[in-house]
């Protein structure tokens, strides 16, 4: 009995007896039990570290987003899911649903239907071709859109809330949580197109409104101030950041085009 008890306290990886939940010598997690379905599911969740704070982070970003962001930038991180992992996970799910349910493609068709007047029909073929290339490129990077928006919207919040004297890096952390939560709300709404297929045409127009609504609420919770200030802060940060994002994409596209042409 003593031998069995002693062996159970040994690290299976390096044989050290300096173990608790983890081995103090090699860092491996110590398992004293055989693997069951429960262990399998736990390890599956651990791939994205979902067992540590994921659902709590989702909940708190709905009910008290200011507490999440303020806790995190002050160093209280253990209770919350890592914002970059959160971004990659939600961004991937968002992109899959938007493309799989053909919300993005239907939105493009709806916008194309608005461009039917004679003046726009006389647009040169080169411009039309460039527009098609741009839309195709945008489709390819759609899962990275939340990530790409964060630095630019953070410039907007840094300017608007400069009296709070937060570092730009702190705005990046705050907006990583808030922007991704906004995309999570949009992701949760996407199944509605299966229940009400007729709304798919308007879905792409409604999502910025939903996103902006959450941004107003979460910025007020995070930075404080009057509700009116939060409305202006959200609109300014979103529009300013999105404009910078479009200019960045345009500049990058032109630069890549110049490089390709120079290499021919």
C-alpha atoms as a PDB file:
ATOM      1  CA  UNK A   1       0.000   0.000   0.000  1.00  0.00           C
ATOM      2  CA  UNK A   2       2.798   2.377   0.879  1.00  0.00           C
ATOM      3  CA  UNK A   3       4.533   1.663  -2.432  1.00  0.00           C
ATOM      4  CA  UNK A   4       1.387   2.406  -4.437  1.00  0.00           C
ATOM      5  CA  UNK A   5       0.756   5.600  -2.486  1.00  0.00           C
ATOM      6  CA  UNK A   6       4.343   6.712  -3.003  1.00  0.00           C
ATOM      7  CA  UNK A   7       4.275   5.980  -6.750  1.00  0.00           C
ATOM      8  CA  UNK A   8       1.109   8.023  -7.144  1.00  0.00           C
ATOM      9  CA  UNK A   9       3.034  11.069  -5.994  1.00  0.00           C
ATOM     10  CA  UNK A  10       5.732  10.658  -8.623  1.00  0.00           C
ATOM     11  CA  UNK A  11       5.744  12.701 -11.833  1.00  0.00           C
ATOM     12  CA  UNK A  12       5.097  10.332 -14.755  1.00  0.00           C
ATOM     13  CA  UNK A  13       7.361  12.428 -16.964  1.00  0.00           C
ATOM     14  CA  UNK A  14      10.571  12.918 -14.950  1.00  0.00           C
ATOM     15  CA  UNK A  15      10.017  10.772 -11.850  1.00  0.00           C
ATOM     16  CA  UNK A  16      10.296  13.689  -9.425  1.00  0.00           C
ATOM     17  CA  UNK A  17       8.356  13.495  -6.170  1.00  0.00           C
ATOM     18  CA  UNK A  18       8.216  17.302  -5.946  1.00  0.00           C
ATOM     19  CA  UNK A  19       4.677  17.408  -7.298  1.00  0.00           C
ATOM     20  CA  UNK A  20       1.314  18.943  -6.522  1.00  0.00           C
ATOM     21  CA  UNK A  21      -1.065  19.750  -9.388  1.00  0.00           C
ATOM     22  CA  UNK A  22       2.013  20.354 -11.545  1.00  0.00           C
ATOM     23  CA  UNK A  23       5.526  18.939 -11.293  1.00  0.00           C
ATOM     24  CA  UNK A  24       7.833  21.585  -9.851  1.00  0.00           C
ATOM     25  CA  UNK A  25      10.815  20.170 -11.794  1.00  0.00           C
ATOM     26  CA  UNK A  26       9.519  19.715 -15.354  1.00  0.00           C
ATOM     27  CA  UNK A  27       6.186  21.559 -15.236  1.00  0.00           C
ATOM     28  CA  UNK A  28       4.015  18.674 -16.446  1.00  0.00           C
ATOM     29  CA  UNK A  29       0.463  18.481 -15.096  1.00  0.00           C
ATOM     30  CA  UNK A  30       0.204  15.478 -12.779  1.00  0.00           C
ATOM     31  CA  UNK A  31      -2.566  12.960 -13.479  1.00  0.00           C
ATOM     32  CA  UNK A  32      -3.371  10.469 -10.727  1.00  0.00           C
ATOM     33  CA  UNK A  33      -6.421   8.969 -12.430  1.00  0.00           C
ATOM     34  CA  UNK A  34      -7.045   7.096 -15.661  1.00  0.00           C
ATOM     35  CA  UNK A  35      -8.393   9.093 -18.600  1.00  0.00           C
ATOM     36  CA  UNK A  36     -12.187   9.136 -18.800  1.00  0.00           C
ATOM     37  CA  UNK A  37     -14.608  10.958 -21.119  1.00  0.00           C
ATOM     38  CA  UNK A  38     -14.584  13.814 -18.588  1.00  0.00           C
ATOM     39  CA  UNK A  39     -10.788  14.070 -18.903  1.00  0.00           C
ATOM     40  CA  UNK A  40     -11.035  13.970 -22.691  1.00  0.00           C
ATOM     41  CA  UNK A  41     -13.556  16.828 -22.777  1.00  0.00           C
ATOM     42  CA  UNK A  42     -11.463  18.808 -20.300  1.00  0.00           C
ATOM     43  CA  UNK A  43      -8.379  18.438 -22.494  1.00  0.00           C
ATOM     44  CA  UNK A  44     -10.432  19.367 -25.556  1.00  0.00           C
ATOM     45  CA  UNK A  45     -11.479  22.606 -23.881  1.00  0.00           C
ATOM     46  CA  UNK A  46      -7.881  23.195 -22.849  1.00  0.00           C
ATOM     47  CA  UNK A  47      -6.856  23.512 -26.514  1.00  0.00           C
ATOM     48  CA  UNK A  48      -8.258  27.065 -26.385  1.00  0.00           C
ATOM     49  CA  UNK A  49      -8.012  27.267 -22.595  1.00  0.00           C
ATOM     50  CA  UNK A  50     -11.820  27.390 -22.511  1.00  0.00           C
ATOM     51  CA  UNK A  51     -11.951  25.881 -19.039  1.00  0.00           C
ATOM     52  CA  UNK A  52     -10.354  29.001 -17.571  1.00  0.00           C
ATOM     53  CA  UNK A  53     -12.649  32.019 -17.548  1.00  0.00           C
ATOM     54  CA  UNK A  54     -14.185  31.783 -21.028  1.00  0.00           C
ATOM     55  CA  UNK A  55     -17.871  31.665 -20.091  1.00  0.00           C
ATOM     56  CA  UNK A  56     -17.270  34.055 -17.198  1.00  0.00           C
ATOM     57  CA  UNK A  57     -15.599  36.530 -19.594  1.00  0.00           C
ATOM     58  CA  UNK A  58     -18.488  36.260 -22.074  1.00  0.00           C
ATOM     59  CA  UNK A  59     -21.021  36.859 -19.300  1.00  0.00           C
ATOM     60  CA  UNK A  60     -19.152  39.764 -17.701  1.00  0.00           C
ATOM     61  CA  UNK A  61     -18.602  41.523 -21.038  1.00  0.00           C
ATOM     62  CA  UNK A  62     -22.379  41.554 -21.372  1.00  0.00           C
ATOM     63  CA  UNK A  63     -23.286  42.667 -17.846  1.00  0.00           C
ATOM     64  CA  UNK A  64     -20.206  44.618 -16.655  1.00  0.00           C
ATOM     65  CA  UNK A  65     -17.714  45.191 -19.491  1.00  0.00           C
ATOM     66  CA  UNK A  66     -16.035  48.024 -17.579  1.00  0.00           C
ATOM     67  CA  UNK A  67     -15.119  45.682 -14.738  1.00  0.00           C
ATOM     68  CA  UNK A  68     -13.502  43.207 -17.147  1.00  0.00           C
ATOM     69  CA  UNK A  69     -11.397  45.797 -18.945  1.00  0.00           C
ATOM     70  CA  UNK A  70     -10.398  47.719 -15.814  1.00  0.00           C
ATOM     71  CA  UNK A  71      -9.516  44.534 -13.932  1.00  0.00           C
ATOM     72  CA  UNK A  72      -7.437  43.268 -16.832  1.00  0.00           C
ATOM     73  CA  UNK A  73      -5.349  46.391 -17.401  1.00  0.00           C
ATOM     74  CA  UNK A  74      -4.718  46.596 -13.640  1.00  0.00           C
ATOM     75  CA  UNK A  75      -3.245  43.079 -13.705  1.00  0.00           C
ATOM     76  CA  UNK A  76      -6.185  40.992 -12.473  1.00  0.00           C
ATOM     77  CA  UNK A  77      -6.091  38.619 -15.436  1.00  0.00           C
ATOM     78  CA  UNK A  78      -6.560  35.135 -14.003  1.00  0.00           C
ATOM     79  CA  UNK A  79     -10.360  35.269 -13.907  1.00  0.00           C
ATOM     80  CA  UNK A  80     -10.666  36.273 -17.564  1.00  0.00           C
ATOM     81  CA  UNK A  81     -10.022  34.654 -20.902  1.00  0.00           C
ATOM     82  CA  UNK A  82      -6.988  35.954 -22.797  1.00  0.00           C
ATOM     83  CA  UNK A  83      -8.238  38.727 -25.156  1.00  0.00           C
ATOM     84  CA  UNK A  84      -6.119  37.588 -28.124  1.00  0.00           C
ATOM     85  CA  UNK A  85      -7.314  33.971 -27.844  1.00  0.00           C
ATOM     86  CA  UNK A  86     -10.844  35.317 -27.455  1.00  0.00           C
ATOM     87  CA  UNK A  87     -10.388  37.371 -30.609  1.00  0.00           C
ATOM     88  CA  UNK A  88      -9.070  34.463 -32.700  1.00  0.00           C
ATOM     89  CA  UNK A  89     -11.800  32.096 -31.515  1.00  0.00           C
ATOM     90  CA  UNK A  90     -14.751  34.447 -32.030  1.00  0.00           C
ATOM     91  CA  UNK A  91     -13.268  35.874 -35.245  1.00  0.00           C
ATOM     92  CA  UNK A  92     -13.016  32.382 -36.728  1.00  0.00           C
ATOM     93  CA  UNK A  93     -16.604  31.459 -35.783  1.00  0.00           C
ATOM     94  CA  UNK A  94     -17.870  34.818 -37.081  1.00  0.00           C
ATOM     95  CA  UNK A  95     -16.143  34.406 -40.449  1.00  0.00           C
ATOM     96  CA  UNK A  96     -17.362  30.824 -40.850  1.00  0.00           C
ATOM     97  CA  UNK A  97     -21.013  31.722 -40.225  1.00  0.00           C
ATOM     98  CA  UNK A  98     -20.958  34.902 -42.319  1.00  0.00           C
ATOM     99  CA  UNK A  99     -19.558  32.977 -45.301  1.00  0.00           C
ATOM    100  CA  UNK A 100     -21.345  29.642 -44.744  1.00  0.00           C
ATOM    101  CA  UNK A 101     -24.770  31.290 -44.423  1.00  0.00           C
ATOM    102  CA  UNK A 102     -23.896  33.471 -47.454  1.00  0.00           C
ATOM    103  CA  UNK A 103     -24.620  36.656 -45.501  1.00  0.00           C
ATOM    104  CA  UNK A 104     -21.544  38.373 -46.945  1.00  0.00           C
ATOM    105  CA  UNK A 105     -22.353  37.409 -50.548  1.00  0.00           C
ATOM    106  CA  UNK A 106     -26.017  38.417 -50.187  1.00  0.00           C
ATOM    107  CA  UNK A 107     -24.950  41.763 -48.762  1.00  0.00           C
ATOM    108  CA  UNK A 108     -22.749  42.359 -51.797  1.00  0.00           C
ATOM    109  CA  UNK A 109     -25.630  41.540 -54.131  1.00  0.00           C
ATOM    110  CA  UNK A 110     -27.871  43.971 -52.244  1.00  0.00           C
ATOM    111  CA  UNK A 111     -25.263  46.734 -52.532  1.00  0.00           C
ATOM    112  CA  UNK A 112     -24.789  45.961 -56.232  1.00  0.00           C
ATOM    113  CA  UNK A 113     -28.528  46.398 -56.711  1.00  0.00           C
ATOM    114  CA  UNK A 114     -28.216  49.968 -55.432  1.00  0.00           C
ATOM    115  CA  UNK A 115     -25.657  50.818 -58.118  1.00  0.00           C
ATOM    116  CA  UNK A 116     -27.995  50.713 -61.106  1.00  0.00           C
ATOM    117  CA  UNK A 117     -28.165  54.348 -62.213  1.00  0.00           C
ATOM    118  CA  UNK A 118     -26.738  55.322 -65.570  1.00  0.00           C
ATOM    119  CA  UNK A 119     -23.800  57.299 -64.168  1.00  0.00           C
ATOM    120  CA  UNK A 120     -22.506  54.321 -62.233  1.00  0.00           C
ATOM    121  CA  UNK A 121     -23.093  51.992 -65.161  1.00  0.00           C
ATOM    122  CA  UNK A 122     -20.629  54.087 -67.161  1.00  0.00           C
ATOM    123  CA  UNK A 123     -17.794  53.411 -64.730  1.00  0.00           C
ATOM    124  CA  UNK A 124     -14.654  52.268 -66.616  1.00  0.00           C
ATOM    125  CA  UNK A 125     -13.992  48.532 -66.765  1.00  0.00           C
ATOM    126  CA  UNK A 126     -10.684  49.000 -64.904  1.00  0.00           C
ATOM    127  CA  UNK A 127     -12.536  50.505 -61.931  1.00  0.00           C
ATOM    128  CA  UNK A 128     -15.097  47.706 -61.920  1.00  0.00           C
ATOM    129  CA  UNK A 129     -12.309  45.129 -62.063  1.00  0.00           C
ATOM    130  CA  UNK A 130     -10.471  46.830 -59.187  1.00  0.00           C
ATOM    131  CA  UNK A 131     -13.684  46.826 -57.149  1.00  0.00           C
ATOM    132  CA  UNK A 132     -14.145  43.092 -57.759  1.00  0.00           C
ATOM    133  CA  UNK A 133     -10.557  42.409 -56.724  1.00  0.00           C
ATOM    134  CA  UNK A 134     -11.039  44.477 -53.569  1.00  0.00           C
ATOM    135  CA  UNK A 135     -14.251  42.613 -52.620  1.00  0.00           C
ATOM    136  CA  UNK A 136     -12.568  39.269 -53.250  1.00  0.00           C
ATOM    137  CA  UNK A 137      -9.616  40.328 -51.088  1.00  0.00           C
ATOM    138  CA  UNK A 138     -11.977  41.530 -48.330  1.00  0.00           C
ATOM    139  CA  UNK A 139     -13.712  38.136 -48.427  1.00  0.00           C
ATOM    140  CA  UNK A 140     -10.379  36.355 -47.951  1.00  0.00           C
ATOM    141  CA  UNK A 141      -9.481  38.362 -44.829  1.00  0.00           C
ATOM    142  CA  UNK A 142     -12.951  38.557 -43.293  1.00  0.00           C
ATOM    143  CA  UNK A 143     -11.960  36.400 -40.300  1.00  0.00           C
ATOM    144  CA  UNK A 144      -9.163  38.883 -39.521  1.00  0.00           C
ATOM    145  CA  UNK A 145     -11.402  41.960 -39.664  1.00  0.00           C
ATOM    146  CA  UNK A 146     -11.904  42.121 -35.857  1.00  0.00           C
ATOM    147  CA  UNK A 147      -8.128  41.903 -35.367  1.00  0.00           C
ATOM    148  CA  UNK A 148      -7.388  44.518 -38.024  1.00  0.00           C
ATOM    149  CA  UNK A 149      -9.954  46.983 -36.672  1.00  0.00           C
ATOM    150  CA  UNK A 150      -8.601  47.012 -33.114  1.00  0.00           C
ATOM    151  CA  UNK A 151      -5.432  49.138 -33.658  1.00  0.00           C
ATOM    152  CA  UNK A 152      -7.327  51.776 -35.625  1.00  0.00           C
ATOM    153  CA  UNK A 153     -10.367  52.066 -33.347  1.00  0.00           C
ATOM    154  CA  UNK A 154      -7.897  52.201 -30.449  1.00  0.00           C
ATOM    155  CA  UNK A 155      -6.370  55.327 -31.994  1.00  0.00           C
ATOM    156  CA  UNK A 156      -9.868  56.824 -31.947  1.00  0.00           C
ATOM    157  CA  UNK A 157     -10.532  55.944 -28.293  1.00  0.00           C
ATOM    158  CA  UNK A 158      -7.031  57.139 -27.348  1.00  0.00           C
ATOM    159  CA  UNK A 159      -7.800  60.542 -28.859  1.00  0.00           C
ATOM    160  CA  UNK A 160     -11.354  60.866 -27.559  1.00  0.00           C
ATOM    161  CA  UNK A 161     -10.641  59.603 -24.041  1.00  0.00           C
ATOM    162  CA  UNK A 162      -7.188  61.171 -23.718  1.00  0.00           C
ATOM    163  CA  UNK A 163      -8.196  62.736 -20.380  1.00  0.00           C
ATOM    164  CA  UNK A 164      -8.199  59.211 -18.875  1.00  0.00           C
ATOM    165  CA  UNK A 165      -4.426  59.117 -19.516  1.00  0.00           C
ATOM    166  CA  UNK A 166      -4.363  55.458 -20.549  1.00  0.00           C
ATOM    167  CA  UNK A 167      -1.497  54.128 -22.643  1.00  0.00           C
ATOM    168  CA  UNK A 168      -2.226  53.159 -26.242  1.00  0.00           C
ATOM    169  CA  UNK A 169      -1.397  49.559 -25.279  1.00  0.00           C
ATOM    170  CA  UNK A 170      -4.113  49.684 -22.617  1.00  0.00           C
ATOM    171  CA  UNK A 171      -6.599  50.901 -25.228  1.00  0.00           C
ATOM    172  CA  UNK A 172      -5.575  47.909 -27.367  1.00  0.00           C
ATOM    173  CA  UNK A 173      -6.392  45.509 -24.527  1.00  0.00           C
ATOM    174  CA  UNK A 174      -9.689  47.240 -23.720  1.00  0.00           C
ATOM    175  CA  UNK A 175     -10.815  47.345 -27.340  1.00  0.00           C
ATOM    176  CA  UNK A 176      -9.751  43.748 -27.948  1.00  0.00           C
ATOM    177  CA  UNK A 177     -12.396  42.707 -25.441  1.00  0.00           C
ATOM    178  CA  UNK A 178     -15.064  45.186 -26.543  1.00  0.00           C
ATOM    179  CA  UNK A 179     -14.724  44.831 -30.312  1.00  0.00           C
ATOM    180  CA  UNK A 180     -14.655  41.042 -30.203  1.00  0.00           C
ATOM    181  CA  UNK A 181     -17.706  41.006 -27.912  1.00  0.00           C
ATOM    182  CA  UNK A 182     -19.472  43.148 -30.508  1.00  0.00           C
ATOM    183  CA  UNK A 183     -18.616  40.579 -33.167  1.00  0.00           C
ATOM    184  CA  UNK A 184     -19.823  37.837 -30.805  1.00  0.00           C
ATOM    185  CA  UNK A 185     -23.238  39.513 -30.647  1.00  0.00           C
ATOM    186  CA  UNK A 186     -23.340  39.625 -34.452  1.00  0.00           C
ATOM    187  CA  UNK A 187     -22.292  35.949 -34.532  1.00  0.00           C
ATOM    188  CA  UNK A 188     -25.097  35.022 -32.129  1.00  0.00           C
ATOM    189  CA  UNK A 189     -27.577  36.829 -34.380  1.00  0.00           C
ATOM    190  CA  UNK A 190     -26.514  35.091 -37.609  1.00  0.00           C
ATOM    191  CA  UNK A 191     -28.705  31.971 -37.072  1.00  0.00           C
ATOM    192  CA  UNK A 192     -31.721  34.296 -37.401  1.00  0.00           C
ATOM    193  CA  UNK A 193     -31.264  34.155 -41.177  1.00  0.00           C
ATOM    194  CA  UNK A 194     -32.159  30.457 -41.000  1.00  0.00           C
ATOM    195  CA  UNK A 195     -35.366  31.226 -39.095  1.00  0.00           C
ATOM    196  CA  UNK A 196     -36.248  34.361 -41.069  1.00  0.00           C
ATOM    197  CA  UNK A 197     -34.559  33.996 -44.499  1.00  0.00           C
ATOM    198  CA  UNK A 198     -35.975  37.311 -45.717  1.00  0.00           C
ATOM    199  CA  UNK A 199     -33.742  39.322 -43.358  1.00  0.00           C
ATOM    200  CA  UNK A 200     -30.512  38.082 -44.960  1.00  0.00           C
ATOM    201  CA  UNK A 201     -30.620  40.963 -47.458  1.00  0.00           C
ATOM    202  CA  UNK A 202     -30.621  43.509 -44.651  1.00  0.00           C
ATOM    203  CA  UNK A 203     -28.343  41.686 -42.229  1.00  0.00           C
ATOM    204  CA  UNK A 204     -25.144  43.357 -43.461  1.00  0.00           C
ATOM    205  CA  UNK A 205     -26.749  46.774 -42.950  1.00  0.00           C
ATOM    206  CA  UNK A 206     -28.012  45.946 -39.448  1.00  0.00           C
ATOM    207  CA  UNK A 207     -24.767  44.564 -38.043  1.00  0.00           C
ATOM    208  CA  UNK A 208     -22.926  47.944 -37.861  1.00  0.00           C
ATOM    209  CA  UNK A 209     -25.890  49.331 -35.893  1.00  0.00           C
ATOM    210  CA  UNK A 210     -25.789  46.409 -33.441  1.00  0.00           C
ATOM    211  CA  UNK A 211     -22.009  46.684 -33.147  1.00  0.00           C
ATOM    212  CA  UNK A 212     -22.157  50.437 -32.546  1.00  0.00           C
ATOM    213  CA  UNK A 213     -24.893  49.983 -29.936  1.00  0.00           C
ATOM    214  CA  UNK A 214     -22.736  47.610 -27.903  1.00  0.00           C
ATOM    215  CA  UNK A 215     -19.715  49.896 -28.319  1.00  0.00           C
ATOM    216  CA  UNK A 216     -21.668  52.820 -26.844  1.00  0.00           C
ATOM    217  CA  UNK A 217     -22.752  50.716 -23.870  1.00  0.00           C
ATOM    218  CA  UNK A 218     -19.329  49.178 -23.225  1.00  0.00           C
ATOM    219  CA  UNK A 219     -17.355  52.416 -23.617  1.00  0.00           C
ATOM    220  CA  UNK A 220     -19.671  54.073 -21.092  1.00  0.00           C
ATOM    221  CA  UNK A 221     -19.075  51.191 -18.679  1.00  0.00           C
ATOM    222  CA  UNK A 222     -15.303  51.314 -19.232  1.00  0.00           C
ATOM    223  CA  UNK A 223     -14.486  55.012 -19.475  1.00  0.00           C
ATOM    224  CA  UNK A 224     -17.418  56.532 -17.628  1.00  0.00           C
ATOM    225  CA  UNK A 225     -18.869  59.944 -18.394  1.00  0.00           C
ATOM    226  CA  UNK A 226     -22.362  60.841 -19.547  1.00  0.00           C
ATOM    227  CA  UNK A 227     -24.347  58.595 -21.912  1.00  0.00           C
ATOM    228  CA  UNK A 228     -24.177  61.356 -24.540  1.00  0.00           C
ATOM    229  CA  UNK A 229     -20.382  61.422 -24.314  1.00  0.00           C
ATOM    230  CA  UNK A 230     -20.338  57.660 -24.823  1.00  0.00           C
ATOM    231  CA  UNK A 231     -22.504  58.013 -27.938  1.00  0.00           C
ATOM    232  CA  UNK A 232     -20.135  60.580 -29.435  1.00  0.00           C
ATOM    233  CA  UNK A 233     -17.106  58.571 -28.284  1.00  0.00           C
ATOM    234  CA  UNK A 234     -18.340  55.372 -29.912  1.00  0.00           C
ATOM    235  CA  UNK A 235     -19.361  57.076 -33.182  1.00  0.00           C
ATOM    236  CA  UNK A 236     -16.094  59.019 -33.411  1.00  0.00           C
ATOM    237  CA  UNK A 237     -13.898  56.038 -32.536  1.00  0.00           C
ATOM    238  CA  UNK A 238     -15.736  53.683 -34.902  1.00  0.00           C
ATOM    239  CA  UNK A 239     -15.886  56.031 -37.905  1.00  0.00           C
ATOM    240  CA  UNK A 240     -12.367  57.398 -37.398  1.00  0.00           C
ATOM    241  CA  UNK A 241     -10.943  53.921 -36.863  1.00  0.00           C
ATOM    242  CA  UNK A 242     -12.816  52.416 -39.813  1.00  0.00           C
ATOM    243  CA  UNK A 243     -11.635  55.242 -42.083  1.00  0.00           C
ATOM    244  CA  UNK A 244      -8.027  54.620 -41.022  1.00  0.00           C
ATOM    245  CA  UNK A 245      -8.580  50.892 -41.618  1.00  0.00           C
ATOM    246  CA  UNK A 246      -9.846  51.514 -45.175  1.00  0.00           C
ATOM    247  CA  UNK A 247      -6.942  53.854 -45.912  1.00  0.00           C
ATOM    248  CA  UNK A 248      -4.522  51.225 -44.594  1.00  0.00           C
ATOM    249  CA  UNK A 249      -6.077  48.518 -46.800  1.00  0.00           C
ATOM    250  CA  UNK A 250      -6.046  50.871 -49.814  1.00  0.00           C
ATOM    251  CA  UNK A 251      -2.416  51.810 -49.232  1.00  0.00           C
ATOM    252  CA  UNK A 252      -1.444  48.177 -48.761  1.00  0.00           C
ATOM    253  CA  UNK A 253      -3.304  47.139 -51.925  1.00  0.00           C
ATOM    254  CA  UNK A 254      -1.628  49.887 -53.986  1.00  0.00           C
ATOM    255  CA  UNK A 255       1.796  49.007 -52.552  1.00  0.00           C
ATOM    256  CA  UNK A 256       1.353  45.322 -53.367  1.00  0.00           C
ATOM    257  CA  UNK A 257       0.181  46.249 -56.883  1.00  0.00           C
ATOM    258  CA  UNK A 258       3.264  48.415 -57.421  1.00  0.00           C
ATOM    259  CA  UNK A 259       5.545  45.627 -56.202  1.00  0.00           C
ATOM    260  CA  UNK A 260       3.873  43.074 -58.507  1.00  0.00           C
ATOM    261  CA  UNK A 261       4.122  45.407 -61.505  1.00  0.00           C
ATOM    262  CA  UNK A 262       7.798  46.177 -60.773  1.00  0.00           C
ATOM    263  CA  UNK A 263       8.602  42.465 -60.635  1.00  0.00           C
ATOM    264  CA  UNK A 264       7.105  41.754 -64.061  1.00  0.00           C
END
